Amino acid sequence: MKKILTIFLLYICWPSLYGQQRDTTLLGGTLKEASITSDKHRSITTTPLTLKPLDIRRFPALFSEVDPLKIILFTPGIQNNNEGDVSISIRGGDTDQSLISLDNIPLYNPSHLNGFISVINADLLSGTDIYKGGFPAKFGNRLSGVIDMKTKNGDMEGYHGTATIGIMSSKALFEGPIIKDKLSFVVTGRASYLGAIVLPIYRKISESETNFVSQFDGSNYYDYHAKLLYTPSDEDRISLTFIGGDDKVSIGNIGNGSSVKERYGNIGANLNWDKEITTTQKITTFGYYSRYMHRYSSGNNKNNSFSQRNSGIEEVSLGGDYSDISIEKMHLSAGIKYSYQLFSPQIISSQGDSLKNTIGEHSDLHTLTAYVEDEYSPTDMWKLALGVRLSLYTNKHKTKFVPEPRFRASYLPIKELSLNLSYSAMSQGVNLLSSGNITAPADIWLGMSGYIDPSSSHNATFGISYEPVIGGNNYHISTEGYFKTMKNILDYKDGISTLEATTFDEMVEMGKGYAYGVEFLAQKNTGSLTGSIAYTWSKALNQFETINSGNWYYSSNDCRHNLALYLTQKFGDKFDITLSFNYKTGKHITIMDILVLSGEPPTPTWNYDFYMWISQYSERNKYRLEDYHRMDISANYYIDGKFGKHTLNFSIYNLYNHKNPYLVFAENNDNVFSLKKLCIFPFMPSISYTFEF
C-alpha cells in the first residue's frame, strides 16, 4: 500500500516534480504553545520531555492535519524513517522498540494512510511525556523509548466543544457533565474525505490523468475516542476510555490487471481507578484491551498471481501501581502487571497455478512484570533512584526470565543546574518485521517462538541541564550523551522468499546492535517569541550472522546529523506565526547492485518476454539517500465571536519546494534500466478552520 500511495502522491505533486525523474546520483556509496519542555520536578531524578497541548495547533500541518507525533520529532534523539511518516525511532531503535500509549492503551499502529497521519487527535491531549533514557522501573516492554500520552477529562461544570474543518478531514470534540461534580464525559471523532476535496483539486492540476486519480476515491479513514470520569469521593477517581479507528483502501485497477484491497485499524479500552489511601499514599489499578488488525490482499488477473497479508495482535492486561511519599526524603513506588497477547500473522503467496505457499499460525504470549523503585534525596543537592523491573515471558515454546535493573542520579550544585547519570536495562517480547526486500508486503507482528527470544537492551546516559531565568523569560539548555546495546533484535534473512519458507522462524534471524550519540537542546519557553533548537549526532549499527556476510552494517535508523528547530512569534492575542526547519543526513537504503537475466545471454533474435530480470544485492544498507531538509510555515488568526472562538490556520509544507527523495527505484524502459527518485511532498499549502465554544 505504501508503494501505491507513493505513486498517487507523486502524481498529485507532478507539477513540482517535473524534470527530476532521471536523477541517478549513486557515486561513492551516497545517493546524492506545541512546545517541548523538560519537566522541572526536581523531587524525581527522571526528567522526561513534556509536550504541552496548548501550542500544538501553531505548528505547520500537512493536509491541515496537526499531528502530535510529528511535533515529537523536534525532540533530540528522535526521528522518523521516511518523509511525512509518523513512525517514531528513538536513539537508533526500530519503530517497534518505541512504546506509544494513549491513556495506558498501547497503540501498535498509531497511523492512518500507511503512516502519513497519526490516529491522535491533538485537541484531546492533556499532556505527553517522552522518555528516551533513565527509564523509571514502571516502564518497560520496549527497548528504546516511551511516548506516554494522556487525554483530557471532561468538564464537570459546563459543556464545551471544538470543531475543525480541513482539506483532508474534519473532526469534533464535545465535553461536559453528566452528573455535575461527579460524572463527566468527553467524546471526539474524525473522518476523512480524500475523494471529496483533495482529489478533485489535483484532478484540475493534471487533467490528463483523472482515471489514475479516481483509483483512490475509496481510500478513507476515521477514528474516535470517548472517556468517562467518575469521582464518587475526594479520594477516588474512576475513568473509562474507549478508542478506535479504521482505514479502508480499495483499488480496482492499478495497471497490468492488478487490484488491491486493504483494511487496518485499532480498537482499545482502559478502566482505571486511582485511590488515595492517605495524602501521601496512592494506589492505581487498571485493566485494558488493545487490538490492531491489518488485512492486505493484491492480485493480478493476467498472470494469476496473488498475495495476502494478515497481521493482528491483541492484548489484555491487568495491573496496579503503588506510590508512597510518607517517608521523609523518599519516594517508594511498586507495581505488578499481567499481559496476554495473541498474534495472528499470515502471508499467502501464489504465482501462477504451481507456486503457492502459506506461512504463519496463531500464537500467544503471557507476560508477568513486577517492579519496585525507591527515589531518595539525602540532601537538596542529590537525587538518587534505584529500582528493578522483573519480566517473565512464557508460552508453549519456552519461558524466559529477564531482570531489568535501573539506576538514576542527579547532582544539583545550584538550583538551575543539574548533572544526570542513568542506566536502564529493558526488554520486549514482541517484534515488528518490516522489509521492502522480499516478494510480499511484510509488516508482521510476532511474539516469542521456538527460535525467537525476547529482545533486550542496556541504556546508559550522562547529561547536563541548565534552566536559567533571563529577563523574566524561562530558558532550557541541555546536552546528553547515550550508549545503547541491543540483543536478539529481529530481521529477515537475506534473499528470503515467501514462496519458499514454511514458518516465520525460517525467515528471520536474531542479531545484535548498538547505538550511541550526543544530543543538544535549547529552548525559550516564555514571552512573545518562543522556540527550540534540537541537534543530534549519532550512529546505529547492526550485525546478523547471515546478513552482509556477518559484518557490521549501518542500521536503517542510523542518522549522523539531525537538526530540528522552530520559532513562534505571537502578535498579541489575535495572530501568531510558526516557522520550522528540519535537516538530517540521508537514510541508508538497500538497492540492487546489478541485474541479471534468468536465461542465456541475448542474441539478435532474443525475446525478453520469455525471461525475467533478477535483482542482485551485495550489501545491506550500502547506499544512502541524499540529505533531507525542509522548511514549513504556519499562521493562525484568532477571532473572539459572540458564541465562541474562531481560528483560521494556513500552513505551507516544504516552503522552498525542495525535492526530498522518499524512495529510489529502478525503472525498466525497453530493457534499459535507470535509477529514479520519488518526491511525494513538494510545496503543499493547506487551510483549516476551527470553532471552539
Foldseek 3Di string as FASTA:
>chain_A
DVVLVQVLLLLLCVVLCPPFWFQFPCPPQAAALQPWAWDLPLLAQDIFIKGALPCQQQDFDDQSARAPLVVCCLAFQWDDLFPQFSQIDGQQHHSQLEFEDEPNHTDNAQDAPRGNHGQDDSVFWRMWTKAQFLDDLVDFQHAGIYIYTYGDWADLAAKKKKWKDWQFKIKMKIKYHPHRPFKIKIKMKMKTQCPPGVLVVSCVVPVVCNVQSVQFRQWMKMKMKMKMWGDPDPFKIKMKIKIKMKIWHWGCDPPQQKIKTKMKMKIKMKIKMWGDPDPFKIKMKMKMKMKIWIWMKMAHPVFGKIKIWIWMKIKIKIKMKMWGPPDPQKIKIKMKMKMKMKIFTKMWIDTHDPQTAIETDIFMKIKIKIKIKMWGDPDPFKIKMWMKMWIWIDGPQDIDIDIKIKIKMWGPPDSFKIKIKIKIKHKHFKAFEADPPEDDGGGHIDGDDNQQDIKMKMKIKIKMWGWDQDPNWIKIKMKMKMKMKMWQHKYFAPPDYNSPDHYVSVGMFGWMKMKIWMKIKIWTSDDQKTKMKIKIAMFIWIATCRALVRDIDGDQSGWGIKIKMKMKGDDPPFKIKMKIKIKTAFGQAWDFPDWDKPDDDDDPPDDCVVIDIDGDTNHGSSHTHHIDMAMKMKMWGWDQDPVFIKIKMKMWTRQVFDQGFRDWDWDADPNDIGITTRRSDGTDMIIMMMTMD
